[in-house]
Amino acid sequence: MDSFDPAAVTVRSGHFIGGEYVDEGARRIEVARPSDGVVYASVPLAEADMIDRAVENAWQALRTSGWRTMPPRERARILRRFADLIAADVDTLGPLEALGSTRPIRDATGWDVPFTAEGIRFYAEFADKIGGDVAATDHDHLGMTIAEPYGVIGAIAPWNFPLVMASWKIAPALAAGNAVVLKPSEMTPFSVLQLAELAIRAGIPAGIFNVVQGDGRTTGDALVRHPKISKITFTGSTRTGAAIMAACAETGTKPVTLELGGKSPQIVFADAPRLDAVARRIAGAISGNAGQVCVAGSRLLVERSLAEPLAERILAAFSELKAGATWTPGTTLSPIISEPQAARIEAIVGRTLAGGAILRCGGRRADGGGTGAFYAPTLLSGVTQQSEAVHEEVFGPVLTMQAFDTEEEALALAQHPDYGLAAGVHTADLGRALRLVRGLEAGTVWVNRYGRTSDFMIPTGGYKRSGIGKDLGRQAYEANLRFKSVLIDLRE
């Protein structure tokens, strides 16, 4: 699908609790389309009483529906049906996703929806693969560990990939036998409601997957602090992640999985193969979704002899991008999620330029053909480690460039005092690549590529202030289980 009429898309408002829409709440939040700033709907804001209702509903569903105790293969079959329904519903889910988010319709239908479905299939297959272990003990004892679901998982998903990020939360949790109360971003609340409807149609019992609407300050905080939430999983900013950890500690310790901010370096050596391909890779890693990606490759570190040839090619790749509404054909540069975020990007770039940086391109708003907030892909050289655009997460299409002369200098520039989410290394020297892989403080390192594939087995997560725990992979499934130790004395 290359385009759609935004006026033709129908959205369902409200929370989704116990298999039904609940459009209640004294306060409402207006929802605007990033592509043109038009307010097209509103959602109720869930306060503490609504959170309590959703969590209690989830607990009752766990106790009475049999989801937790269901034979694992049956749970897997239901989740596979859920995935099939998602894939088949692409013509509904795609426009819903693109309408209110920064995802162009071609990306939403060609990648986001299929990726969401495939991720649920992947975790469905874990349902009967991990159940515990028999331990090596004395001959007259039997020791084992038993894997059990936590109970009700509180999940908070971000706005930049609403469907995909929600699936990263719900798929392993549901496969492990938990219930989920999901809070999507108040800026992108609608596509996950369609997921919740499809879950019921697939046979997931009512109440096992609930959705509550609202902001972080009220709704998110109440969800995190609820005493019957057994675990929290969150993707978003480092500041919010720290607040979530504090709230969990204040209300009784509970485990958290946090994927947080990043300032990911891309290190390019003079021997990097296929320079044109490298340039397009680097340009795509910062312009994709208009740079509104946690793992965006926002810091280019390039061997000095290659700096200008590579910069010229990146500028050429940037010039080919077309800003436009997410529902128009040919859009390759997404809108910024909101006017305040666009203004923040402008301010960071402005202060960096005032500090002595050199503007190679961009540094201004882009024309998206309407009233939405668009920002032109920007390349800044002449920066230092102290430049604001180098050390702060911009969350926009802003790339900084620094030159180095030695491998040791490259590694030193790549290390960030706070963030360690991802990194890219581009070189033909395998030994060098492996040295950098070992030396970089990052949870993911890509070599001669940048970005994920559909290899769900490879986990993602950060070092340092970029997070705790992992999404994707076996690790994400196991993080939704708690393990009980059992020791039986056979002499009695």
Protein backbone atom coordinates (compact mmCIF):
# COMPACT_ATOMS: atom_id res chain seq x y z
CA MET A 1 0.00 0.00 0.00
CA ASP A 2 1.50 3.35 -1.08
CA SER A 3 -1.18 5.79 0.10
CA PHE A 4 -4.52 6.14 1.83
CA ASP A 5 -7.12 8.78 2.66
CA PRO A 6 -6.67 9.87 6.29
CA ALA A 7 -10.30 10.99 6.46
CA ALA A 8 -11.42 7.44 5.69
CA VAL A 9 -9.70 5.84 8.70
CA THR A 10 -11.97 5.10 11.64
CA VAL A 11 -10.50 4.95 15.12
CA ARG A 12 -11.99 3.38 18.24
CA SER A 13 -11.43 5.37 21.41
CA GLY A 14 -11.19 4.14 24.97
CA HIS A 15 -9.41 1.57 27.08
CA PHE A 16 -9.69 -2.13 26.28
CA ILE A 17 -10.39 -4.08 29.46
CA GLY A 18 -11.82 -7.55 29.81
CA GLY A 19 -12.34 -7.86 26.07
CA GLU A 20 -14.45 -4.69 25.82
CA TYR A 21 -13.97 -1.00 25.11
CA VAL A 22 -14.31 1.20 28.17
CA ASP A 23 -14.62 4.84 27.13
CA GLU A 24 -14.69 6.32 30.61
CA GLY A 25 -12.67 8.98 32.35
CA ALA A 26 -13.19 12.52 33.57
CA ARG A 27 -10.18 13.80 31.64
CA ARG A 28 -9.37 13.29 27.97
CA ILE A 29 -6.24 13.68 25.87
CA GLU A 30 -6.43 15.10 22.35
CA VAL A 31 -4.51 13.16 19.71
CA ALA A 32 -2.95 14.96 16.73
CA ARG A 33 -1.60 13.62 13.44
CA PRO A 34 2.15 14.35 13.18
CA SER A 35 1.92 14.76 9.40
CA ASP A 36 -0.31 17.85 9.55
CA GLY A 37 -0.92 18.66 13.21
CA VAL A 38 -4.66 18.04 12.91
CA VAL A 39 -6.36 16.85 16.10
CA TYR A 40 -8.36 13.86 14.88
CA ALA A 41 -9.46 12.09 18.06
CA SER A 42 -9.18 11.94 21.83
CA VAL A 43 -8.73 9.22 24.43
CA PRO A 44 -9.73 9.02 28.08
CA LEU A 45 -6.94 9.35 30.61
CA ALA A 46 -6.78 6.36 32.96
CA GLU A 47 -6.34 7.42 36.56
CA ALA A 48 -5.58 5.17 39.52
CA ASP A 49 -9.10 3.72 39.69
CA MET A 50 -9.06 2.66 36.03
CA ILE A 51 -5.59 1.15 36.41
CA ASP A 52 -6.86 -0.81 39.40
CA ARG A 53 -9.81 -2.01 37.33
CA ALA A 54 -7.56 -3.18 34.50
CA VAL A 55 -5.05 -4.92 36.78
CA GLU A 56 -7.76 -6.64 38.83
CA ASN A 57 -9.39 -7.78 35.60
CA ALA A 58 -6.09 -9.26 34.46
CA TRP A 59 -5.60 -11.07 37.77
CA GLN A 60 -9.10 -12.51 37.65
CA ALA A 61 -8.52 -13.64 34.07
CA LEU A 62 -5.33 -15.43 35.10
CA ARG A 63 -7.16 -17.21 37.90
CA THR A 64 -10.24 -18.25 35.95
CA SER A 65 -9.36 -18.48 32.24
CA GLY A 66 -6.75 -21.22 32.40
CA TRP A 67 -4.25 -19.17 30.36
CA ARG A 68 -1.51 -19.62 32.95
CA THR A 69 -2.05 -23.37 33.31
CA MET A 70 -2.96 -24.11 29.69
CA PRO A 71 -0.88 -26.81 27.96
CA PRO A 72 1.99 -24.83 26.40
CA ARG A 73 1.36 -26.13 22.88
CA GLU A 74 -2.24 -24.93 23.05
CA ARG A 75 -1.09 -21.50 24.18
CA ALA A 76 1.34 -21.49 21.26
CA ARG A 77 -1.43 -22.41 18.79
CA ILE A 78 -3.56 -19.50 19.99
CA LEU A 79 -0.63 -17.09 19.65
CA ARG A 80 0.04 -18.33 16.13
CA ARG A 81 -3.59 -17.63 15.27
CA PHE A 82 -3.11 -14.17 16.75
CA ALA A 83 -0.09 -13.64 14.49
CA ASP A 84 -1.99 -14.85 11.43
CA LEU A 85 -4.86 -12.45 12.15
CA ILE A 86 -2.41 -9.56 12.48
CA ALA A 87 -0.76 -10.37 9.16
CA ALA A 88 -4.13 -10.69 7.43
CA ASP A 89 -5.34 -7.38 8.90
CA VAL A 90 -2.58 -5.32 7.28
CA ASP A 91 -5.03 -3.12 5.36
CA THR A 92 -6.58 -2.00 8.65
CA LEU A 93 -3.52 -1.97 10.88
CA GLY A 94 -1.25 -0.24 8.34
CA PRO A 95 -3.35 2.94 7.93
CA LEU A 96 -4.10 3.03 11.67
CA GLU A 97 -0.36 2.92 12.38
CA ALA A 98 0.58 5.47 9.73
CA LEU A 99 -2.26 7.89 10.48
CA GLY A 100 -1.20 8.84 13.96
CA SER A 101 2.50 8.00 14.01
CA THR A 102 5.65 8.89 12.09
CA ARG A 103 5.58 5.67 10.06
CA PRO A 104 5.00 6.12 6.28
CA ILE A 105 2.28 3.82 5.01
CA ARG A 106 4.66 1.80 2.83
CA ASP A 107 6.83 1.09 5.89
CA ALA A 108 3.86 0.36 8.12
CA THR A 109 2.37 -2.20 5.73
CA GLY A 110 5.62 -3.58 4.34
CA TRP A 111 7.58 -3.90 7.58
CA ASP A 112 5.83 -2.94 10.82
CA VAL A 113 2.76 -5.15 10.55
CA PRO A 114 4.58 -8.25 9.18
CA PHE A 115 7.37 -7.80 11.74
CA THR A 116 4.81 -7.60 14.54
CA ALA A 117 3.12 -10.80 13.40
CA GLU A 118 6.39 -12.67 12.98
CA GLY A 119 7.59 -11.63 16.43
CA ILE A 120 4.49 -13.14 18.00
CA ARG A 121 5.03 -16.36 16.03
CA PHE A 122 8.63 -16.45 17.24
CA TYR A 123 7.67 -16.25 20.91
CA ALA A 124 4.80 -18.69 20.49
CA GLU A 125 7.43 -21.33 19.79
CA PHE A 126 9.08 -20.71 23.17
CA ALA A 127 5.94 -21.71 25.07
CA ASP A 128 6.94 -25.37 25.43
CA LYS A 129 10.71 -25.03 25.07
CA ILE A 130 11.71 -23.61 28.47
CA GLY A 131 10.27 -25.14 31.61
CA GLY A 132 13.15 -25.46 34.04
CA ASP A 133 16.01 -27.89 34.66
CA VAL A 134 16.95 -30.90 36.73
CA ALA A 135 19.96 -30.02 38.84
CA ALA A 136 23.01 -32.13 39.65
CA THR A 137 22.56 -33.06 43.33
CA ASP A 138 23.45 -35.83 45.75
CA HIS A 139 22.29 -39.28 44.63
CA ASP A 140 19.59 -39.40 47.27
CA HIS A 141 18.15 -35.98 46.37
CA LEU A 142 16.25 -34.66 43.38
CA GLY A 143 16.85 -30.98 42.63
CA MET A 144 15.10 -28.95 39.97
CA THR A 145 14.09 -25.47 38.92
CA ILE A 146 10.55 -24.81 37.75
CA ALA A 147 9.73 -21.89 35.44
CA GLU A 148 6.53 -20.02 36.28
CA PRO A 149 4.93 -16.85 34.88
CA TYR A 150 5.13 -13.74 37.02
CA GLY A 151 1.44 -12.88 36.87
CA VAL A 152 0.46 -9.48 35.48
CA ILE A 153 3.08 -7.62 33.47
CA GLY A 154 2.87 -3.83 33.20
CA ALA A 155 4.08 -2.76 29.76
CA ILE A 156 4.71 0.81 28.59
CA ALA A 157 5.38 1.21 24.86
CA PRO A 158 6.76 4.26 23.00
CA TRP A 159 5.37 6.25 20.10
CA ASN A 160 8.09 5.77 17.48
CA PHE A 161 7.13 2.19 16.45
CA PRO A 162 3.80 1.67 18.21
CA LEU A 163 2.92 -1.81 16.92
CA VAL A 164 6.41 -3.27 16.87
CA MET A 165 7.38 -2.01 20.31
CA ALA A 166 4.08 -3.22 21.78
CA SER A 167 4.69 -6.68 20.31
CA TRP A 168 8.15 -6.81 21.90
CA LYS A 169 6.40 -6.40 25.25
CA ILE A 170 3.32 -8.56 24.87
CA ALA A 171 4.63 -11.51 22.82
CA PRO A 172 7.11 -13.00 25.32
CA ALA A 173 4.88 -12.14 28.27
CA LEU A 174 1.83 -13.89 26.81
CA ALA A 175 3.82 -16.87 25.58
CA ALA A 176 5.18 -17.39 29.09
CA GLY A 177 1.63 -17.50 30.50
CA ASN A 178 1.34 -13.99 31.93
CA ALA A 179 -1.41 -11.40 31.55
CA VAL A 180 -0.47 -7.93 30.28
CA VAL A 181 -1.72 -4.42 30.95
CA LEU A 182 -0.26 -2.27 28.18
CA LYS A 183 -0.07 1.51 28.13
CA PRO A 184 0.73 2.83 24.65
CA SER A 185 1.95 6.37 24.17
CA GLU A 186 -0.82 8.94 24.39
CA MET A 187 0.43 10.24 21.02
CA THR A 188 -0.10 6.88 19.25
CA PRO A 189 -2.92 5.10 21.09
CA PHE A 190 -5.02 3.45 18.40
CA SER A 191 -3.24 0.70 16.48
CA VAL A 192 -2.63 -1.35 19.65
CA LEU A 193 -6.38 -1.29 20.34
CA GLN A 194 -6.81 -3.17 17.09
CA LEU A 195 -4.21 -5.67 18.32
CA ALA A 196 -6.27 -6.19 21.47
CA GLU A 197 -9.40 -6.88 19.40
CA LEU A 198 -7.50 -9.40 17.28
CA ALA A 199 -6.22 -11.12 20.42
CA ILE A 200 -9.81 -11.85 21.47
CA ARG A 201 -10.65 -13.16 18.00
CA ALA A 202 -7.61 -15.44 18.16
CA GLY A 203 -8.82 -17.05 21.39
CA ILE A 204 -6.74 -15.24 23.99
CA PRO A 205 -9.10 -15.05 26.97
CA ALA A 206 -10.69 -11.70 27.76
CA GLY A 207 -8.66 -9.83 30.36
CA ILE A 208 -5.35 -11.46 29.53
CA PHE A 209 -4.38 -8.54 27.28
CA ASN A 210 -5.70 -5.17 28.44
CA VAL A 211 -4.90 -1.69 27.09
CA VAL A 212 -5.11 1.49 29.16
CA GLN A 213 -4.80 4.98 27.72
CA GLY A 214 -3.14 7.97 29.30
CA ASP A 215 0.04 9.88 29.95
CA GLY A 216 3.15 8.92 31.86
CA ARG A 217 2.71 11.27 34.80
CA THR A 218 -0.70 9.88 35.81
CA THR A 219 -1.42 6.61 34.01
CA GLY A 220 2.10 5.27 33.70
CA ASP A 221 2.94 6.10 37.28
CA ALA A 222 -0.19 4.39 38.60
CA LEU A 223 0.56 1.29 36.53
CA VAL A 224 4.16 1.07 37.73
CA ARG A 225 3.16 1.53 41.38
CA HIS A 226 0.24 -0.92 41.41
CA PRO A 227 0.94 -3.64 43.99
CA LYS A 228 -0.43 -6.43 41.79
CA ILE A 229 1.84 -5.61 38.86
CA SER A 230 4.61 -8.19 39.11
CA LYS A 231 7.05 -6.80 36.55
CA ILE A 232 7.48 -3.69 34.41
CA THR A 233 8.80 -3.49 30.85
CA PHE A 234 9.41 -0.07 29.32
CA THR A 235 10.97 1.50 26.24
CA GLY A 236 11.62 5.22 26.29
CA SER A 237 13.88 7.91 27.66
CA THR A 238 16.60 7.38 30.22
CA ARG A 239 15.04 9.97 32.51
CA THR A 240 11.68 8.18 32.53
CA GLY A 241 13.39 4.83 33.00
CA ALA A 242 15.10 6.13 36.13
CA ALA A 243 11.76 7.43 37.44
CA ILE A 244 10.20 4.00 36.85
CA MET A 245 12.97 2.29 38.81
CA ALA A 246 12.46 4.72 41.68
CA ALA A 247 8.69 4.16 41.68
CA CYS A 248 9.16 0.38 41.71
CA ALA A 249 11.52 0.68 44.68
CA GLU A 250 9.15 2.94 46.58
CA THR A 251 6.16 0.61 46.21
CA GLY A 252 7.84 -2.74 46.71
CA THR A 253 10.67 -4.07 44.62
CA LYS A 254 9.73 -5.60 41.28
CA PRO A 255 11.90 -6.49 38.27
CA VAL A 256 12.15 -4.15 35.30
CA THR A 257 13.24 -4.42 31.70
CA LEU A 258 14.26 -1.00 30.37
CA GLU A 259 15.35 -0.11 26.84
CA LEU A 260 16.38 3.52 27.09
CA GLY A 261 18.22 6.26 25.22
CA GLY A 262 21.27 6.09 23.00
CA LYS A 263 23.93 8.08 21.16
CA SER A 264 25.16 5.33 18.92
CA PRO A 265 28.46 5.73 17.01
CA GLN A 266 29.19 4.53 13.50
CA ILE A 267 32.91 3.96 13.02
CA VAL A 268 34.15 3.94 9.43
CA PHE A 269 37.72 2.95 8.54
CA ALA A 270 39.45 3.80 5.27
CA ASP A 271 39.36 0.16 4.16
CA ALA A 272 35.55 -0.08 4.49
CA PRO A 273 34.21 -1.95 1.47
CA ARG A 274 31.88 -0.30 -1.06
CA LEU A 275 31.95 3.33 0.06
CA ASP A 276 28.71 4.23 -1.73
CA ALA A 277 26.88 1.48 0.17
CA VAL A 278 28.44 2.59 3.46
CA ALA A 279 27.28 6.16 2.87
CA ARG A 280 23.71 5.07 2.18
CA ARG A 281 23.77 2.84 5.23
CA ILE A 282 24.92 5.69 7.45
CA ALA A 283 22.42 8.12 5.95
CA GLY A 284 19.60 5.63 6.43
CA ALA A 285 20.58 4.95 10.02
CA ILE A 286 19.97 8.59 10.97
CA SER A 287 17.19 9.56 8.53
CA GLY A 288 15.02 6.45 8.97
CA ASN A 289 11.86 7.45 10.87
CA ALA A 290 13.44 10.94 10.84
CA GLY A 291 16.03 9.79 13.36
CA GLN A 292 13.34 8.99 15.92
CA VAL A 293 14.88 5.64 16.77
CA CYS A 294 16.61 4.63 20.00
CA VAL A 295 19.47 2.98 18.10
CA ALA A 296 19.82 5.74 15.48
CA GLY A 297 23.42 5.98 14.30
CA SER A 298 23.81 9.62 15.28
CA ARG A 299 27.59 9.94 15.65
CA LEU A 300 29.76 9.37 12.57
CA LEU A 301 33.41 8.67 13.37
CA VAL A 302 35.45 8.37 10.17
CA GLU A 303 39.12 7.83 9.42
CA ARG A 304 40.49 11.21 8.38
CA SER A 305 41.50 10.30 4.81
CA LEU A 306 37.93 9.15 4.10
CA ALA A 307 36.07 11.99 5.81
CA GLU A 308 35.36 14.26 2.84
CA PRO A 309 34.59 11.55 0.25
CA LEU A 310 32.18 9.92 2.71
CA ALA A 311 30.56 13.23 3.69
CA GLU A 312 29.90 14.06 0.03
CA ARG A 313 28.13 10.76 -0.50
CA ILE A 314 26.05 11.15 2.66
CA LEU A 315 24.97 14.62 1.56
CA ALA A 316 23.92 13.15 -1.79
CA ALA A 317 21.86 10.46 -0.05
CA PHE A 318 20.21 13.06 2.18
CA SER A 319 19.28 15.17 -0.86
CA GLU A 320 17.20 12.29 -2.29
CA LEU A 321 14.86 12.12 0.70
CA LYS A 322 11.31 13.38 0.30
CA ALA A 323 9.45 14.80 3.28
CA GLY A 324 5.71 14.22 3.27
CA ALA A 325 2.66 13.02 5.09
CA THR A 326 2.68 9.40 6.13
CA TRP A 327 -0.30 8.72 3.88
CA THR A 328 1.15 10.15 0.65
CA PRO A 329 3.07 8.08 -1.90
CA GLY A 330 6.82 8.48 -2.09
CA THR A 331 7.38 9.80 1.43
CA THR A 332 10.86 8.82 2.61
CA LEU A 333 11.37 11.41 5.37
CA SER A 334 8.90 11.09 8.24
CA PRO A 335 7.42 13.96 10.21
CA ILE A 336 8.69 14.77 13.67
CA ILE A 337 6.23 13.44 16.23
CA SER A 338 5.23 16.89 17.56
CA GLU A 339 5.96 20.58 17.32
CA PRO A 340 7.66 20.68 20.75
CA GLN A 341 10.03 17.90 19.68
CA ALA A 342 10.84 19.71 16.42
CA ALA A 343 11.56 22.87 18.40
CA ARG A 344 13.86 20.90 20.70
CA ILE A 345 15.83 19.56 17.71
CA GLU A 346 16.16 23.10 16.35
CA ALA A 347 17.42 24.37 19.70
CA ILE A 348 20.07 21.65 20.08
CA VAL A 349 21.37 22.23 16.55
CA GLY A 350 21.38 25.99 17.10
CA ARG A 351 23.39 25.75 20.31
CA THR A 352 25.82 23.30 18.70
CA LEU A 353 26.40 25.69 15.79
CA ALA A 354 26.86 28.57 18.22
CA GLY A 355 29.55 26.47 19.90
CA GLY A 356 31.62 26.31 16.73
CA ALA A 357 30.19 23.41 14.70
CA ILE A 358 30.07 23.60 10.91
CA LEU A 359 26.72 23.09 9.15
CA ARG A 360 27.20 20.85 6.11
CA CYS A 361 23.50 20.52 5.29
CA GLY A 362 20.07 20.85 6.89
CA GLY A 363 19.83 22.75 10.15
CA ARG A 364 16.30 23.89 9.31
CA ARG A 365 12.70 22.79 8.98
CA ALA A 366 11.81 20.77 5.90
CA ASP A 367 8.79 21.31 3.69
CA GLY A 368 6.50 18.33 4.10
CA GLY A 369 3.79 19.77 1.90
CA GLY A 370 1.55 20.62 4.84
CA THR A 371 1.49 21.96 8.36
CA GLY A 372 3.27 19.10 10.11
CA ALA A 373 6.65 19.42 11.82
CA PHE A 374 9.41 18.20 9.50
CA TYR A 375 13.16 18.61 9.97
CA ALA A 376 15.74 18.37 7.21
CA PRO A 377 18.49 15.74 7.54
CA THR A 378 21.41 17.57 9.08
CA LEU A 379 25.17 16.93 9.03
CA LEU A 380 27.39 18.78 11.50
CA SER A 381 31.19 18.66 11.38
CA GLY A 382 33.75 20.54 13.46
CA VAL A 383 32.20 19.16 16.65
CA THR A 384 33.87 17.92 19.83
CA GLN A 385 32.89 15.52 22.59
CA GLN A 386 31.52 18.55 24.47
CA SER A 387 29.19 19.65 21.64
CA GLU A 388 25.56 19.30 22.66
CA ALA A 389 24.57 17.39 19.51
CA VAL A 390 27.35 14.90 20.26
CA HIS A 391 26.58 14.12 23.89
CA GLU A 392 22.77 14.64 24.01
CA GLU A 393 20.22 12.32 22.43
CA VAL A 394 18.58 14.53 19.77
CA PHE A 395 15.97 12.03 18.55
CA GLY A 396 15.86 13.63 15.12
CA PRO A 397 17.72 13.38 11.78
CA VAL A 398 20.91 15.03 13.04
CA LEU A 399 24.29 13.41 12.33
CA THR A 400 27.57 14.67 13.77
CA MET A 401 30.91 13.87 12.13
CA GLN A 402 34.33 13.56 13.78
CA ALA A 403 37.59 12.39 12.19
CA PHE A 404 40.16 10.07 13.75
CA ASP A 405 43.63 8.84 12.82
CA THR A 406 44.06 5.60 14.76
CA GLU A 407 41.95 2.68 15.92
CA GLU A 408 42.60 3.65 19.53
CA GLU A 409 41.36 7.18 18.89
CA ALA A 410 38.25 5.85 17.19
CA LEU A 411 37.43 3.67 20.17
CA ALA A 412 37.98 6.54 22.60
CA LEU A 413 35.67 8.83 20.62
CA ALA A 414 33.02 6.11 20.37
CA GLN A 415 32.66 5.60 24.11
CA HIS A 416 29.93 7.74 25.65
CA PRO A 417 29.90 8.56 29.37
CA ASP A 418 26.20 7.73 29.72
CA TYR A 419 24.87 5.76 26.77
CA GLY A 420 25.75 2.35 25.36
CA LEU A 421 22.83 1.10 23.30
CA ALA A 422 24.30 0.27 19.88
CA ALA A 423 27.26 0.88 17.60
CA GLY A 424 28.33 0.21 14.01
CA VAL A 425 31.78 -0.75 12.70
CA HIS A 426 32.59 -0.57 8.99
CA THR A 427 35.87 -2.19 7.94
CA ALA A 428 37.30 -4.98 5.77
CA ASP A 429 39.70 -6.03 8.56
CA LEU A 430 38.11 -8.86 10.56
CA GLY A 431 40.64 -8.60 13.37
CA ARG A 432 39.98 -4.90 13.75
CA ALA A 433 36.25 -5.47 13.71
CA LEU A 434 36.50 -8.03 16.50
CA ARG A 435 38.75 -5.78 18.57
CA LEU A 436 36.18 -3.00 18.29
CA VAL A 437 33.34 -5.40 19.12
CA ARG A 438 35.17 -6.35 22.31
CA GLY A 439 36.14 -2.80 23.19
CA LEU A 440 32.86 -0.96 22.58
CA GLU A 441 30.57 -0.47 25.56
CA ALA A 442 27.34 -1.15 23.72
CA GLY A 443 24.63 -3.76 23.98
CA THR A 444 24.54 -4.29 20.19
CA VAL A 445 27.38 -3.93 17.68
CA TRP A 446 26.72 -4.23 13.96
CA VAL A 447 29.62 -4.89 11.60
CA ASN A 448 29.35 -3.77 7.96
CA ARG A 449 25.64 -3.18 8.43
CA TYR A 450 23.45 -1.03 10.68
CA GLY A 451 20.06 -2.07 11.97
CA ARG A 452 18.12 -5.15 12.90
CA THR A 453 16.94 -7.96 10.69
CA SER A 454 14.10 -10.39 11.40
CA ASP A 455 16.48 -12.55 13.43
CA PHE A 456 14.41 -12.36 16.59
CA MET A 457 16.87 -14.64 18.38
CA ILE A 458 19.38 -11.79 18.68
CA PRO A 459 18.49 -9.73 21.78
CA THR A 460 18.63 -5.97 22.05
CA GLY A 461 19.34 -3.84 25.08
CA GLY A 462 21.81 -1.34 26.41
CA TYR A 463 24.82 -0.88 28.63
CA LYS A 464 25.17 1.90 31.19
CA ARG A 465 22.22 4.33 31.22
CA SER A 466 20.83 2.83 28.01
CA GLY A 467 18.91 0.23 29.93
CA ILE A 468 18.59 -2.96 31.94
CA GLY A 469 17.72 -6.36 30.54
CA LYS A 470 16.93 -7.38 26.98
CA ASP A 471 14.12 -7.24 24.48
CA LEU A 472 13.97 -9.98 21.84
CA GLY A 473 15.87 -13.27 21.99
CA ARG A 474 15.61 -16.04 24.51
CA GLN A 475 16.52 -13.52 27.20
CA ALA A 476 13.26 -11.60 26.73
CA TYR A 477 11.22 -14.77 27.15
CA GLU A 478 13.09 -15.86 30.27
CA ALA A 479 12.67 -12.35 31.73
CA ASN A 480 8.93 -13.03 31.83
CA LEU A 481 9.42 -16.12 33.99
CA ARG A 482 10.45 -16.57 37.59
CA PHE A 483 12.29 -19.71 38.59
CA LYS A 484 11.42 -21.76 41.66
CA SER A 485 14.05 -24.05 43.18
CA VAL A 486 12.88 -27.47 44.42
CA LEU A 487 14.89 -30.03 46.38
CA ILE A 488 13.34 -33.39 47.24
CA ASP A 489 14.89 -35.75 49.78
CA LEU A 490 14.46 -39.26 48.39
CA ARG A 491 15.41 -40.93 51.69
CA GLU A 492 12.11 -40.08 53.37
